[in-house]
Amino acid sequence: MKMWLLDESGIGLDYLDYHNAINRSFHKFFQTCRHRNYIFFGTVPYLNFLSKAVRKQIHFQYEATGFDKARHVTHVVTKELQYNEEIERMYRKRIIVEHDNAMRPANSIEFPMPPKKIINEYEKMKTEFTDQILADGRRDIVLAEMRMKARQRRVMKELDVLKESEYASELA
């Protein structure tokens, strides 16, 4: 078994950009990972940040609901997700676990806090990632503004040419 983690999955698997190469590649990966016994974890604030094709292939949703500082554990609610193709709806069900030789619904699971070394490495990587996202966003905004200004200059030139033409008097 091999486990994968994609933090901030909504950025790479954005539902607004379903046809990008990353989204298409992950869609193919999700369709074949069961065959290879892979487990994939992704973090996202809301499931609808992911493309519909990706959401249909999700089997479980884990939602952190709190942290117990005294015991250093995170409380997580786990739901099994089941997609109904006929009515195009996702159902969320409580998971059933074996406990004390009986099958019972699990309302929450507790996960221990990771070691400080892992937390520090993660925070460093997360900062580098978000810094790059912000830099890319600034670059995209500047490029969009430059394209808009260039378009405005072309329109102004066309208007100047039109004013100087012989038809300018007819338009006035």
Protein backbone atom coordinates (compact mmCIF):
# COMPACT_ATOMS: atom_id res chain seq x y z
CA MET A 1 0.00 0.00 0.00
CA LYS A 2 1.26 3.48 -0.82
CA MET A 3 -0.18 6.72 0.59
CA TRP A 4 -0.22 10.11 -1.16
CA LEU A 5 -1.04 13.55 0.28
CA LEU A 6 -1.90 16.65 -1.73
CA ASP A 7 -2.24 19.64 0.57
CA GLU A 8 -4.50 22.44 -0.69
CA SER A 9 -6.00 20.13 -3.32
CA GLY A 10 -8.43 22.82 -4.44
CA ILE A 11 -5.55 24.69 -6.09
CA GLY A 12 -4.40 21.82 -8.30
CA LEU A 13 -7.80 20.16 -8.74
CA ASP A 14 -9.86 23.34 -9.10
CA TYR A 15 -13.41 22.78 -10.33
CA LEU A 16 -13.20 26.05 -12.30
CA ASP A 17 -10.27 24.73 -14.33
CA TYR A 18 -11.28 21.11 -14.93
CA HIS A 19 -9.57 20.86 -18.31
CA ASN A 20 -6.07 21.79 -17.13
CA ALA A 21 -3.33 19.15 -17.34
CA ILE A 22 -3.04 18.66 -13.56
CA ASN A 23 -6.77 18.06 -13.16
CA ARG A 24 -6.89 15.59 -16.07
CA SER A 25 -3.83 13.73 -14.75
CA PHE A 26 -5.25 13.38 -11.24
CA HIS A 27 -8.58 12.24 -12.62
CA LYS A 28 -6.74 9.41 -14.44
CA PHE A 29 -4.71 8.68 -11.31
CA PHE A 30 -7.86 8.37 -9.16
CA GLN A 31 -9.43 5.99 -11.66
CA THR A 32 -6.45 3.64 -11.48
CA CYS A 33 -5.16 3.96 -7.89
CA ARG A 34 -7.44 1.22 -6.50
CA HIS A 35 -5.76 -1.27 -8.83
CA ARG A 36 -2.35 -0.40 -7.34
CA ASN A 37 -3.65 -0.28 -3.75
CA TYR A 38 -2.92 3.45 -3.36
CA ILE A 39 -4.53 5.68 -0.78
CA PHE A 40 -4.79 9.38 -1.54
CA PHE A 41 -5.43 12.14 0.98
CA GLY A 42 -6.14 15.71 -0.04
CA THR A 43 -6.93 18.78 2.02
CA VAL A 44 -9.44 21.35 0.87
CA PRO A 45 -11.64 23.85 2.74
CA TYR A 46 -14.77 22.71 0.89
CA LEU A 47 -15.40 19.70 -1.34
CA ASN A 48 -16.97 21.89 -4.03
CA PHE A 49 -13.52 23.44 -4.59
CA LEU A 50 -12.72 20.18 -6.41
CA SER A 51 -13.94 19.27 -9.87
CA LYS A 52 -17.05 17.11 -10.01
CA ALA A 53 -15.15 14.24 -11.64
CA VAL A 54 -12.71 14.18 -8.70
CA ARG A 55 -15.50 14.50 -6.08
CA LYS A 56 -17.30 11.47 -7.54
CA GLN A 57 -14.26 9.32 -6.82
CA ILE A 58 -13.83 10.29 -3.16
CA HIS A 59 -14.75 7.52 -0.73
CA PHE A 60 -14.24 9.21 2.65
CA GLN A 61 -14.37 12.71 4.05
CA TYR A 62 -12.46 13.62 7.21
CA GLU A 63 -13.36 16.87 8.94
CA ALA A 64 -11.30 18.16 11.86
CA THR A 65 -13.74 19.42 14.46
CA GLY A 66 -11.44 20.35 17.33
CA PHE A 67 -8.16 19.91 19.13
CA ASP A 68 -7.72 18.75 22.73
CA LYS A 69 -4.66 20.68 23.97
CA ALA A 70 -4.36 18.67 27.18
CA ARG A 71 -4.24 15.30 25.36
CA HIS A 72 -2.66 16.58 22.10
CA VAL A 73 -5.25 14.91 19.88
CA THR A 74 -7.35 16.20 17.00
CA HIS A 75 -11.01 15.19 16.86
CA VAL A 76 -12.08 14.16 13.36
CA VAL A 77 -15.53 13.30 12.04
CA THR A 78 -15.34 10.67 9.30
CA LYS A 79 -18.03 10.16 6.69
CA GLU A 80 -18.22 7.56 3.96
CA LEU A 81 -19.13 9.21 0.66
CA GLN A 82 -21.26 7.38 -1.85
CA TYR A 83 -22.16 8.86 -5.22
CA ASN A 84 -25.54 8.00 -6.77
CA GLU A 85 -25.13 8.29 -10.54
CA GLU A 86 -28.88 8.09 -11.28
CA ILE A 87 -29.79 11.23 -9.38
CA GLU A 88 -26.28 12.78 -9.42
CA ARG A 89 -26.09 13.17 -5.66
CA MET A 90 -23.43 12.46 -3.04
CA TYR A 91 -24.53 10.75 0.18
CA ARG A 92 -22.58 11.04 3.45
CA LYS A 93 -22.84 8.14 5.89
CA ARG A 94 -21.29 7.52 9.29
CA ILE A 95 -18.64 4.84 9.17
CA ILE A 96 -19.13 1.59 11.04
CA VAL A 97 -16.19 0.20 13.04
CA GLU A 98 -15.63 -2.90 15.12
CA HIS A 99 -15.23 -2.03 18.80
CA ASP A 100 -15.45 -4.45 21.74
CA ASN A 101 -16.47 -7.29 19.38
CA ALA A 102 -19.44 -5.30 18.09
CA MET A 103 -20.06 -3.18 14.99
CA ARG A 104 -20.79 0.43 15.96
CA PRO A 105 -21.09 3.79 14.22
CA ALA A 106 -18.05 6.00 14.76
CA ASN A 107 -19.02 9.56 15.55
CA SER A 108 -15.43 10.79 15.69
CA ILE A 109 -11.86 9.56 15.60
CA GLU A 110 -8.91 10.97 17.53
CA PHE A 111 -5.54 11.47 15.83
CA PRO A 112 -2.42 12.22 17.87
CA MET A 113 -0.43 15.36 17.18
CA PRO A 114 2.59 14.66 14.96
CA PRO A 115 6.14 15.15 16.26
CA LYS A 116 7.42 18.75 16.37
CA LYS A 117 10.04 17.98 13.68
CA ILE A 118 7.33 17.01 11.18
CA ILE A 119 5.23 20.06 12.07
CA ASN A 120 8.22 22.38 11.53
CA GLU A 121 9.10 20.77 8.16
CA TYR A 122 5.47 21.01 7.06
CA GLU A 123 5.13 24.66 8.08
CA LYS A 124 8.31 25.55 6.15
CA MET A 125 7.04 23.77 3.01
CA LYS A 126 3.59 25.36 3.41
CA THR A 127 5.12 28.85 3.67
CA GLU A 128 7.21 28.28 0.53
CA PHE A 129 4.12 26.99 -1.30
CA THR A 130 1.88 29.90 -0.30
CA ASP A 131 4.65 32.42 -1.08
CA GLN A 132 4.83 30.96 -4.60
CA ILE A 133 1.03 31.06 -4.97
CA LEU A 134 1.01 34.74 -3.96
CA ALA A 135 3.88 35.55 -6.35
CA ASP A 136 2.06 33.77 -9.18
CA GLY A 137 -1.12 35.68 -8.36
CA ARG A 138 0.69 39.03 -8.41
CA ARG A 139 2.32 38.14 -11.73
CA ASP A 140 -1.05 37.12 -13.23
CA ILE A 141 -2.65 40.39 -12.10
CA VAL A 142 0.18 42.49 -13.58
CA LEU A 143 -0.01 40.59 -16.88
CA ALA A 144 -3.79 41.00 -17.00
CA GLU A 145 -3.48 44.74 -16.35
CA MET A 146 -0.83 45.04 -19.09
CA ARG A 147 -3.08 43.22 -21.58
CA MET A 148 -6.03 45.44 -20.63
CA LYS A 149 -3.97 48.63 -21.08
CA ALA A 150 -2.65 47.42 -24.44
CA ARG A 151 -6.22 46.71 -25.56
CA GLN A 152 -7.31 50.18 -24.44
CA ARG A 153 -4.43 51.77 -26.40
CA ARG A 154 -5.46 49.86 -29.56
CA VAL A 155 -9.07 51.02 -29.18
CA MET A 156 -7.96 54.63 -28.67
CA LYS A 157 -5.79 54.46 -31.80
CA GLU A 158 -8.70 53.07 -33.78
CA LEU A 159 -10.92 55.90 -32.52
CA ASP A 160 -8.27 58.48 -33.49
CA VAL A 161 -8.08 56.99 -36.99
CA LEU A 162 -11.85 57.02 -37.23
CA LYS A 163 -12.03 60.68 -36.15
CA GLU A 164 -9.53 61.66 -38.81
CA SER A 165 -11.29 59.72 -41.55
CA GLU A 166 -13.67 61.22 -44.05
CA TYR A 167 -16.56 59.52 -42.25
CA ALA A 168 -15.98 61.37 -39.00
CA SER A 169 -18.41 64.09 -39.96
CA GLU A 170 -21.12 61.54 -40.71
CA LEU A 171 -20.67 59.92 -37.30
CA ALA A 172 -20.84 63.19 -35.38
